[in-house]
C-alpha atoms as a PDB file:
ATOM      1  CA  MET A   1       0.153  -0.067   0.372  1.00  0.00           C
ATOM      2  CA  ILE A   2       1.371   3.589  -0.956  1.00  0.00           C
ATOM      3  CA  ILE A   3       1.000   6.006   1.900  1.00  0.00           C
ATOM      4  CA  THR A   4       1.330  10.058  -0.165  1.00  0.00           C
ATOM      5  CA  THR A   5       0.786  13.469   0.933  1.00  0.00           C
ATOM      6  CA  THR A   6       0.762  14.472  -2.780  1.00  0.00           C
ATOM      7  CA  PRO A   7      -2.549  14.224  -4.864  1.00  0.00           C
ATOM      8  CA  THR A   8      -0.819  11.782  -7.653  1.00  0.00           C
ATOM      9  CA  ILE A   9       2.156   9.509  -7.294  1.00  0.00           C
ATOM     10  CA  GLU A  10       5.500   9.975  -9.833  1.00  0.00           C
ATOM     11  CA  GLY A  11       5.330   7.187 -12.830  1.00  0.00           C
ATOM     12  CA  LYS A  12       2.188   5.558 -11.521  1.00  0.00           C
ATOM     13  CA  PRO A  13      -1.073   6.800 -13.175  1.00  0.00           C
ATOM     14  CA  ILE A  14      -4.027   6.224 -11.265  1.00  0.00           C
ATOM     15  CA  ARG A  15      -6.435   4.282 -12.333  1.00  0.00           C
ATOM     16  CA  SER A  16      -9.774   4.387 -10.081  1.00  0.00           C
ATOM     17  CA  TYR A  17     -10.904   6.377  -7.241  1.00  0.00           C
ATOM     18  CA  HIS A  18     -12.312   4.787  -4.125  1.00  0.00           C
ATOM     19  CA  GLY A  19     -13.332   7.522  -2.209  1.00  0.00           C
ATOM     20  CA  ILE A  20     -12.226   9.233   1.041  1.00  0.00           C
ATOM     21  CA  VAL A  21     -11.019   6.690   3.560  1.00  0.00           C
ATOM     22  CA  VAL A  22     -10.070   7.945   7.371  1.00  0.00           C
ATOM     23  CA  GLY A  23      -8.678   6.435  10.141  1.00  0.00           C
ATOM     24  CA  GLU A  24      -8.250   7.958  13.860  1.00  0.00           C
ATOM     25  CA  ALA A  25      -6.820   6.946  17.316  1.00  0.00           C
ATOM     26  CA  ILE A  26      -8.280   8.576  20.351  1.00  0.00           C
ATOM     27  CA  MET A  27      -5.312   7.837  23.312  1.00  0.00           C
ATOM     28  CA  GLY A  28      -5.486   8.834  26.710  1.00  0.00           C
ATOM     29  CA  ALA A  29      -2.764   9.657  29.073  1.00  0.00           C
ATOM     30  CA  ASN A  30      -2.248   9.013  32.453  1.00  0.00           C
ATOM     31  CA  VAL A  31      -1.799  11.517  35.328  1.00  0.00           C
ATOM     32  CA  VAL A  32       1.583  10.173  36.256  1.00  0.00           C
ATOM     33  CA  ARG A  33       2.594  11.248  32.578  1.00  0.00           C
ATOM     34  CA  ASP A  34       0.946  14.232  33.044  1.00  0.00           C
ATOM     35  CA  VAL A  35       2.547  15.301  35.883  1.00  0.00           C
ATOM     36  CA  PHE A  36       6.044  14.788  34.701  1.00  0.00           C
ATOM     37  CA  ALA A  37       5.265  16.270  31.107  1.00  0.00           C
ATOM     38  CA  SER A  38       4.267  19.606  33.084  1.00  0.00           C
ATOM     39  CA  ILE A  39       7.860  18.829  34.690  1.00  0.00           C
ATOM     40  CA  THR A  40       9.036  18.824  31.478  1.00  0.00           C
ATOM     41  CA  ASP A  41       7.431  22.096  30.577  1.00  0.00           C
ATOM     42  CA  ILE A  42       7.973  24.555  33.464  1.00  0.00           C
ATOM     43  CA  VAL A  43      12.279  23.345  33.074  1.00  0.00           C
ATOM     44  CA  GLY A  44      12.291  23.005  29.417  1.00  0.00           C
ATOM     45  CA  GLY A  45      12.870  20.611  26.978  1.00  0.00           C
ATOM     46  CA  ARG A  46      10.680  17.403  25.033  1.00  0.00           C
ATOM     47  CA  SER A  47       8.484  15.424  26.746  1.00  0.00           C
ATOM     48  CA  GLY A  48       9.518  11.971  25.607  1.00  0.00           C
ATOM     49  CA  ALA A  49       6.445  10.280  26.962  1.00  0.00           C
ATOM     50  CA  TYR A  50       3.719  12.422  25.485  1.00  0.00           C
ATOM     51  CA  GLU A  51       6.457  12.282  22.042  1.00  0.00           C
ATOM     52  CA  SER A  52       5.802   8.564  22.441  1.00  0.00           C
ATOM     53  CA  LYS A  53       1.769   8.570  22.462  1.00  0.00           C
ATOM     54  CA  LEU A  54       1.875  11.357  19.995  1.00  0.00           C
ATOM     55  CA  GLN A  55       3.619   8.548  17.818  1.00  0.00           C
ATOM     56  CA  ASP A  56       1.746   5.333  18.630  1.00  0.00           C
ATOM     57  CA  ALA A  57      -1.494   7.250  17.746  1.00  0.00           C
ATOM     58  CA  ARG A  58      -0.506   8.745  14.304  1.00  0.00           C
ATOM     59  CA  GLU A  59       0.577   5.043  13.948  1.00  0.00           C
ATOM     60  CA  THR A  60      -2.936   3.868  14.468  1.00  0.00           C
ATOM     61  CA  ALA A  61      -4.679   6.322  12.635  1.00  0.00           C
ATOM     62  CA  LEU A  62      -2.849   5.496   9.980  1.00  0.00           C
ATOM     63  CA  ARG A  63      -2.376   1.516  10.001  1.00  0.00           C
ATOM     64  CA  GLU A  64      -6.382   2.491  10.016  1.00  0.00           C
ATOM     65  CA  LEU A  65      -6.749   4.147   7.030  1.00  0.00           C
ATOM     66  CA  GLU A  66      -4.634   1.261   5.524  1.00  0.00           C
ATOM     67  CA  GLU A  67      -6.996  -0.487   6.049  1.00  0.00           C
ATOM     68  CA  ARG A  68      -9.764   0.976   5.010  1.00  0.00           C
ATOM     69  CA  ALA A  69      -8.325   1.745   1.959  1.00  0.00           C
ATOM     70  CA  ALA A  70      -7.315  -1.880   1.299  1.00  0.00           C
ATOM     71  CA  ASP A  71     -11.298  -2.865   2.077  1.00  0.00           C
ATOM     72  CA  LYS A  72     -12.222  -0.521  -1.128  1.00  0.00           C
ATOM     73  CA  GLY A  73      -9.885  -2.425  -3.006  1.00  0.00           C
ATOM     74  CA  ALA A  74      -7.538   0.290  -3.248  1.00  0.00           C
ATOM     75  CA  ASN A  75      -3.985  -0.212  -3.466  1.00  0.00           C
ATOM     76  CA  ALA A  76      -3.145   3.704  -2.364  1.00  0.00           C
ATOM     77  CA  VAL A  77      -4.069   6.897  -0.700  1.00  0.00           C
ATOM     78  CA  VAL A  78      -3.271  10.302  -1.693  1.00  0.00           C
ATOM     79  CA  GLY A  79      -4.090  13.143  -0.223  1.00  0.00           C
ATOM     80  CA  VAL A  80      -3.483  12.025   3.418  1.00  0.00           C
ATOM     81  CA  ASP A  81      -3.795  14.956   5.622  1.00  0.00           C
ATOM     82  CA  LEU A  82      -2.978  14.511   9.305  1.00  0.00           C
ATOM     83  CA  ASP A  83      -4.700  16.332  12.267  1.00  0.00           C
ATOM     84  CA  TYR A  84      -4.167  16.724  15.269  1.00  0.00           C
ATOM     85  CA  GLU A  85      -6.420  17.311  18.442  1.00  0.00           C
ATOM     86  CA  VAL A  86      -7.210  17.806  21.521  1.00  0.00           C
ATOM     87  CA  VAL A  87     -10.264  15.935  23.227  1.00  0.00           C
ATOM     88  CA  GLY A  88     -11.235  16.920  27.161  1.00  0.00           C
ATOM     89  CA  GLN A  89      -8.400  17.557  28.780  1.00  0.00           C
ATOM     90  CA  SER A  90      -6.071  14.207  28.886  1.00  0.00           C
ATOM     91  CA  MET A  91      -7.254  12.338  25.325  1.00  0.00           C
ATOM     92  CA  LEU A  92      -4.968  13.122  22.064  1.00  0.00           C
ATOM     93  CA  MET A  93      -6.669  12.505  18.921  1.00  0.00           C
ATOM     94  CA  VAL A  94      -5.095  12.152  15.596  1.00  0.00           C
ATOM     95  CA  SER A  95      -7.009  11.751  12.315  1.00  0.00           C
ATOM     96  CA  ALA A  96      -5.016  10.514   8.931  1.00  0.00           C
ATOM     97  CA  SER A  97      -7.977  10.855   5.788  1.00  0.00           C
ATOM     98  CA  GLY A  98      -7.156  11.120   1.917  1.00  0.00           C
ATOM     99  CA  THR A  99      -8.363   9.375  -0.892  1.00  0.00           C
ATOM    100  CA  ALA A 100      -8.203   5.530  -1.822  1.00  0.00           C
ATOM    101  CA  VAL A 101      -7.143   4.854  -5.479  1.00  0.00           C
ATOM    102  CA  SER A 102      -5.758   2.183  -7.185  1.00  0.00           C
ATOM    103  CA  VAL A 103      -2.722   2.565  -9.598  1.00  0.00           C
END
């Protein structure tokens, strides 16, 4: 499965379009991690705990996007866009959307 943010894939003409596909992941953060991340923010530096959680959410959203594209008979997704949102006070949502195509 080819997944790209570009609207086309160089050297591979799009033969058919299968529609928009979306993958989403909502991850909760725990209280201990929040406390240590707050300390990191005050002292300065990067929060490894949140970076790891963000990476997990992104990978989950992209994997779900790929599965939904495959279910539609596609072998690629073009025009992929990643969006990040905070839900409530301790939930992180990552959404990946794009157009499922056959090349």
